[in-house]
């Protein structure tokens, strides 16, 4: 049986641990580490270890919506 293709959603740096824990508890994703090259501010081309949620495309899309909704609530934006 062919393995289902997996997709990653990079977790924005500074995301509260409570949001990360909620996602892991409520969605079928795993927490992974990815090396990514950054291109902003004084980090032009620096490679950093970033966290990501990995899962099927539909689930990762749900996670993305959930995370950004929770981040907006956390910082108090409408």
Protein backbone atom coordinates (compact mmCIF):
# COMPACT_ATOMS: atom_id res chain seq x y z
CA UNK A 1 0.00 0.00 0.00
CA UNK A 2 1.39 3.42 -0.95
CA UNK A 3 2.16 5.75 1.91
CA UNK A 4 0.07 8.92 2.04
CA UNK A 5 1.96 12.07 1.05
CA UNK A 6 2.78 14.24 4.07
CA UNK A 7 2.83 18.03 4.24
CA UNK A 8 4.49 20.38 6.71
CA UNK A 9 3.25 23.59 8.26
CA UNK A 10 6.09 25.61 9.75
CA UNK A 11 5.23 26.87 13.22
CA UNK A 12 5.79 30.62 13.47
CA UNK A 13 8.63 31.37 15.90
CA UNK A 14 7.18 32.59 19.19
CA UNK A 15 4.03 30.46 19.00
CA UNK A 16 2.98 29.69 22.59
CA UNK A 17 3.62 26.13 23.76
CA UNK A 18 -0.02 25.84 24.78
CA UNK A 19 -1.12 26.25 21.15
CA UNK A 20 1.44 23.67 19.99
CA UNK A 21 0.27 21.23 22.68
CA UNK A 22 -3.40 21.78 21.74
CA UNK A 23 -2.66 20.99 18.09
CA UNK A 24 -0.78 17.81 18.98
CA UNK A 25 -3.65 16.70 21.24
CA UNK A 26 -6.50 17.53 18.84
CA UNK A 27 -5.15 16.84 15.34
CA UNK A 28 -3.51 13.86 13.64
CA UNK A 29 -0.12 15.51 13.10
CA UNK A 30 3.39 14.96 14.38
CA UNK A 31 5.89 17.57 15.53
CA UNK A 32 9.05 17.61 13.40
CA UNK A 33 12.15 19.74 13.08
CA UNK A 34 13.16 21.25 9.72
CA UNK A 35 16.24 23.15 8.68
CA UNK A 36 15.20 26.26 6.76
CA UNK A 37 17.18 29.11 5.27
CA UNK A 38 15.88 32.49 6.48
CA UNK A 39 15.80 35.64 4.36
CA UNK A 40 14.82 38.58 6.53
CA UNK A 41 16.34 41.24 8.77
CA UNK A 42 19.96 40.44 9.59
CA UNK A 43 19.54 36.68 9.01
CA UNK A 44 20.05 36.77 5.24
CA UNK A 45 20.61 33.13 4.29
CA UNK A 46 21.12 31.82 7.85
CA UNK A 47 19.98 28.22 8.32
CA UNK A 48 17.85 27.62 11.43
CA UNK A 49 16.07 24.65 12.98
CA UNK A 50 12.34 25.34 12.91
CA UNK A 51 9.44 23.27 14.22
CA UNK A 52 6.66 22.10 11.94
CA UNK A 53 3.47 20.08 12.10
CA UNK A 54 3.48 17.16 9.62
CA UNK A 55 0.38 15.36 8.40
CA UNK A 56 -1.99 14.85 5.49
CA UNK A 57 -2.84 17.91 3.44
CA UNK A 58 -6.44 18.30 4.67
CA UNK A 59 -5.38 18.00 8.32
CA UNK A 60 -2.44 20.40 7.92
CA UNK A 61 -4.80 22.94 6.30
CA UNK A 62 -7.14 22.62 9.32
CA UNK A 63 -4.17 23.06 11.66
CA UNK A 64 -3.06 26.19 9.81
CA UNK A 65 -6.51 27.76 10.22
CA UNK A 66 -6.63 26.76 13.90
CA UNK A 67 -3.13 28.06 14.72
CA UNK A 68 -3.65 31.45 13.11
CA UNK A 69 -7.05 31.85 14.80
CA UNK A 70 -5.47 31.03 18.18
CA UNK A 71 -2.53 33.39 17.54
CA UNK A 72 -4.94 36.23 16.71
CA UNK A 73 -6.82 35.55 19.96
CA UNK A 74 -3.53 35.42 21.88
CA UNK A 75 -2.32 38.80 20.62
CA UNK A 76 -5.79 40.35 20.89
CA UNK A 77 -6.55 41.12 17.25
CA UNK A 78 -9.97 40.73 15.65
